[in-house]
Structures are given as C-alpha cells and as structure tokens.
Amino acid sequence: METVKLSRIVMKLTPELYPFLRHCELNSDIVLRNGLDALESADVMEIIQFSISEHQKDAFLH
C-alpha cells in the first residue's frame, strides 16, 4: 500500500489534466493498493472522478 497526493498521480500519468483540477482536489490523499507504478491512465481517470465527486459532495454539506 502507498499513500500519495492526487497531484503526484496526475503529474505522472495525465499531466494534461493538472490545470483542470482545483487545489483541494490535487491535495487529496489517495491510498493505492498496488502502488503508483501499477496505475494506468484509466485508473487515474476513475480516481480523479471520485475525488471531484467527493469534493462536490463536501461543498453541499457546508
């Protein structure tokens, strides 16, 4: 298991998406079962979608 910031994942596998994410999303801690080296682009997209969804949910609760 490895915990990394979403920003690190994005910069490694999909750097073109970095400008479209908010600071709070990029700063999210992500726990990876098989580590950063095992991720593929499709995995990154799923993680990004989940992170955006979680941060939008939090915005409605405040």
N, C-alpha and C. Protein backbone atom coordinates (compact mmCIF):
# COMPACT_ATOMS: atom_id res chain seq x y z
N MET A 1 0.84 -1.18 0.00
CA MET A 1 0.00 0.00 0.00
C MET A 1 0.88 1.24 0.00
N GLU A 2 0.37 2.26 -0.67
CA GLU A 2 1.11 3.51 -0.78
C GLU A 2 0.10 4.66 -0.75
N THR A 3 0.39 5.69 0.02
CA THR A 3 -0.46 6.88 0.06
C THR A 3 0.27 8.02 -0.63
N VAL A 4 -0.40 8.60 -1.63
CA VAL A 4 0.19 9.72 -2.39
C VAL A 4 -0.86 10.80 -2.59
N LYS A 5 -0.41 11.99 -2.91
CA LYS A 5 -1.31 13.08 -3.24
C LYS A 5 -1.81 12.87 -4.68
N LEU A 6 -3.04 13.28 -4.92
CA LEU A 6 -3.59 13.17 -6.27
C LEU A 6 -2.72 13.93 -7.27
N SER A 7 -2.15 15.04 -6.86
CA SER A 7 -1.29 15.82 -7.76
C SER A 7 -0.13 14.99 -8.30
N ARG A 8 0.43 14.15 -7.47
CA ARG A 8 1.55 13.29 -7.91
C ARG A 8 1.09 12.27 -8.95
N ILE A 9 -0.09 11.70 -8.72
CA ILE A 9 -0.65 10.73 -9.66
C ILE A 9 -0.92 11.40 -11.01
N VAL A 10 -1.56 12.57 -10.95
CA VAL A 10 -1.90 13.29 -12.18
C VAL A 10 -0.64 13.68 -12.95
N MET A 11 0.34 14.23 -12.25
CA MET A 11 1.56 14.66 -12.94
C MET A 11 2.33 13.50 -13.57
N LYS A 12 2.22 12.33 -12.98
CA LYS A 12 2.95 11.18 -13.53
C LYS A 12 2.25 10.58 -14.75
N LEU A 13 0.91 10.49 -14.71
CA LEU A 13 0.21 9.74 -15.76
C LEU A 13 -0.66 10.59 -16.69
N THR A 14 -1.19 11.68 -16.19
CA THR A 14 -2.06 12.52 -17.03
C THR A 14 -1.81 14.00 -16.76
N PRO A 15 -0.60 14.48 -17.01
CA PRO A 15 -0.26 15.87 -16.67
C PRO A 15 -1.12 16.91 -17.40
N GLU A 16 -1.69 16.54 -18.52
CA GLU A 16 -2.55 17.47 -19.26
C GLU A 16 -3.81 17.83 -18.48
N LEU A 17 -4.19 17.02 -17.50
CA LEU A 17 -5.39 17.29 -16.71
C LEU A 17 -5.13 18.17 -15.49
N TYR A 18 -3.86 18.36 -15.15
CA TYR A 18 -3.49 19.11 -13.94
C TYR A 18 -4.17 20.49 -13.86
N PRO A 19 -4.15 21.29 -14.93
CA PRO A 19 -4.74 22.64 -14.83
C PRO A 19 -6.26 22.64 -14.59
N PHE A 20 -6.92 21.55 -14.82
CA PHE A 20 -8.38 21.50 -14.70
C PHE A 20 -8.86 21.11 -13.30
N LEU A 21 -7.93 20.74 -12.43
CA LEU A 21 -8.29 20.31 -11.08
C LEU A 21 -8.02 21.42 -10.08
N ARG A 22 -8.88 21.49 -9.08
CA ARG A 22 -8.72 22.50 -8.02
C ARG A 22 -7.64 22.06 -7.04
N HIS A 23 -7.11 23.04 -6.33
CA HIS A 23 -6.04 22.77 -5.36
C HIS A 23 -6.48 21.73 -4.32
N CYS A 24 -7.71 21.85 -3.82
CA CYS A 24 -8.17 20.91 -2.79
C CYS A 24 -8.25 19.48 -3.35
N GLU A 25 -8.59 19.36 -4.62
CA GLU A 25 -8.64 18.03 -5.24
C GLU A 25 -7.22 17.48 -5.41
N LEU A 26 -6.33 18.31 -5.91
CA LEU A 26 -4.94 17.89 -6.12
C LEU A 26 -4.25 17.53 -4.82
N ASN A 27 -4.68 18.13 -3.73
CA ASN A 27 -4.07 17.91 -2.43
C ASN A 27 -4.66 16.69 -1.69
N SER A 28 -5.60 16.02 -2.30
CA SER A 28 -6.24 14.85 -1.68
C SER A 28 -5.25 13.70 -1.53
N ASP A 29 -5.33 13.03 -0.38
CA ASP A 29 -4.54 11.81 -0.17
C ASP A 29 -5.27 10.64 -0.81
N ILE A 30 -4.54 9.87 -1.59
CA ILE A 30 -5.09 8.69 -2.27
C ILE A 30 -4.29 7.47 -1.82
N VAL A 31 -4.99 6.45 -1.36
CA VAL A 31 -4.33 5.21 -0.95
C VAL A 31 -4.39 4.23 -2.12
N LEU A 32 -3.23 3.81 -2.55
CA LEU A 32 -3.13 2.89 -3.68
C LEU A 32 -2.75 1.50 -3.19
N ARG A 33 -3.57 0.55 -3.50
CA ARG A 33 -3.35 -0.82 -3.04
C ARG A 33 -2.05 -1.39 -3.60
N ASN A 34 -1.80 -1.18 -4.89
CA ASN A 34 -0.62 -1.77 -5.53
C ASN A 34 0.46 -0.76 -5.85
N GLY A 35 0.34 0.45 -5.33
CA GLY A 35 1.36 1.46 -5.54
C GLY A 35 1.20 2.25 -6.83
N LEU A 36 1.92 3.32 -6.90
CA LEU A 36 1.84 4.26 -8.03
C LEU A 36 2.27 3.62 -9.35
N ASP A 37 3.25 2.77 -9.31
CA ASP A 37 3.77 2.16 -10.54
C ASP A 37 2.77 1.21 -11.20
N ALA A 38 1.78 0.74 -10.47
CA ALA A 38 0.80 -0.20 -11.02
C ALA A 38 -0.38 0.51 -11.70
N LEU A 39 -0.46 1.85 -11.56
CA LEU A 39 -1.60 2.58 -12.12
C LEU A 39 -1.50 2.72 -13.63
N GLU A 40 -2.67 2.75 -14.25
CA GLU A 40 -2.78 3.02 -15.68
C GLU A 40 -3.65 4.27 -15.86
N SER A 41 -3.67 4.82 -17.05
CA SER A 41 -4.43 6.05 -17.31
C SER A 41 -5.90 5.91 -16.96
N ALA A 42 -6.50 4.77 -17.24
CA ALA A 42 -7.92 4.56 -16.92
C ALA A 42 -8.13 4.60 -15.41
N ASP A 43 -7.18 4.08 -14.65
CA ASP A 43 -7.28 4.13 -13.18
C ASP A 43 -7.24 5.58 -12.70
N VAL A 44 -6.38 6.37 -13.31
CA VAL A 44 -6.25 7.77 -12.92
C VAL A 44 -7.57 8.51 -13.16
N MET A 45 -8.19 8.26 -14.29
CA MET A 45 -9.46 8.92 -14.59
C MET A 45 -10.51 8.56 -13.54
N GLU A 46 -10.56 7.33 -13.13
CA GLU A 46 -11.51 6.89 -12.10
C GLU A 46 -11.22 7.58 -10.76
N ILE A 47 -9.96 7.67 -10.41
CA ILE A 47 -9.57 8.33 -9.16
C ILE A 47 -9.93 9.82 -9.20
N ILE A 48 -9.67 10.46 -10.33
CA ILE A 48 -10.00 11.89 -10.49
C ILE A 48 -11.50 12.10 -10.37
N GLN A 49 -12.28 11.28 -11.04
CA GLN A 49 -13.74 11.40 -10.98
C GLN A 49 -14.23 11.24 -9.55
N PHE A 50 -13.69 10.30 -8.83
CA PHE A 50 -14.10 10.08 -7.44
C PHE A 50 -13.73 11.27 -6.57
N SER A 51 -12.52 11.80 -6.77
CA SER A 51 -12.07 12.94 -5.98
C SER A 51 -12.94 14.17 -6.22
N ILE A 52 -13.26 14.44 -7.47
CA ILE A 52 -14.14 15.57 -7.80
C ILE A 52 -15.50 15.38 -7.16
N SER A 53 -16.03 14.19 -7.26
CA SER A 53 -17.33 13.88 -6.68
C SER A 53 -17.32 14.09 -5.17
N GLU A 54 -16.28 13.62 -4.50
CA GLU A 54 -16.19 13.77 -3.05
C GLU A 54 -16.10 15.24 -2.64
N HIS A 55 -15.35 16.03 -3.38
CA HIS A 55 -15.22 17.44 -3.03
C HIS A 55 -16.50 18.22 -3.34
N GLN A 56 -17.23 17.82 -4.35
CA GLN A 56 -18.51 18.47 -4.63
C GLN A 56 -19.52 18.13 -3.54
N LYS A 57 -19.50 16.91 -3.08
CA LYS A 57 -20.39 16.49 -2.00
C LYS A 57 -20.13 17.31 -0.74
N ASP A 58 -18.85 17.50 -0.43
CA ASP A 58 -18.47 18.30 0.73
C ASP A 58 -18.95 19.74 0.60
N ALA A 59 -18.93 20.28 -0.61
CA ALA A 59 -19.36 21.66 -0.82
C ALA A 59 -20.84 21.85 -0.50
N PHE A 60 -21.64 20.82 -0.77
CA PHE A 60 -23.07 20.92 -0.49
C PHE A 60 -23.38 20.81 1.01
N LEU A 61 -22.49 20.19 1.75
CA LEU A 61 -22.70 19.99 3.18
C LEU A 61 -22.35 21.22 4.00
N HIS A 62 -21.57 22.14 3.46
CA HIS A 62 -21.12 23.33 4.22
C HIS A 62 -22.17 24.39 4.21
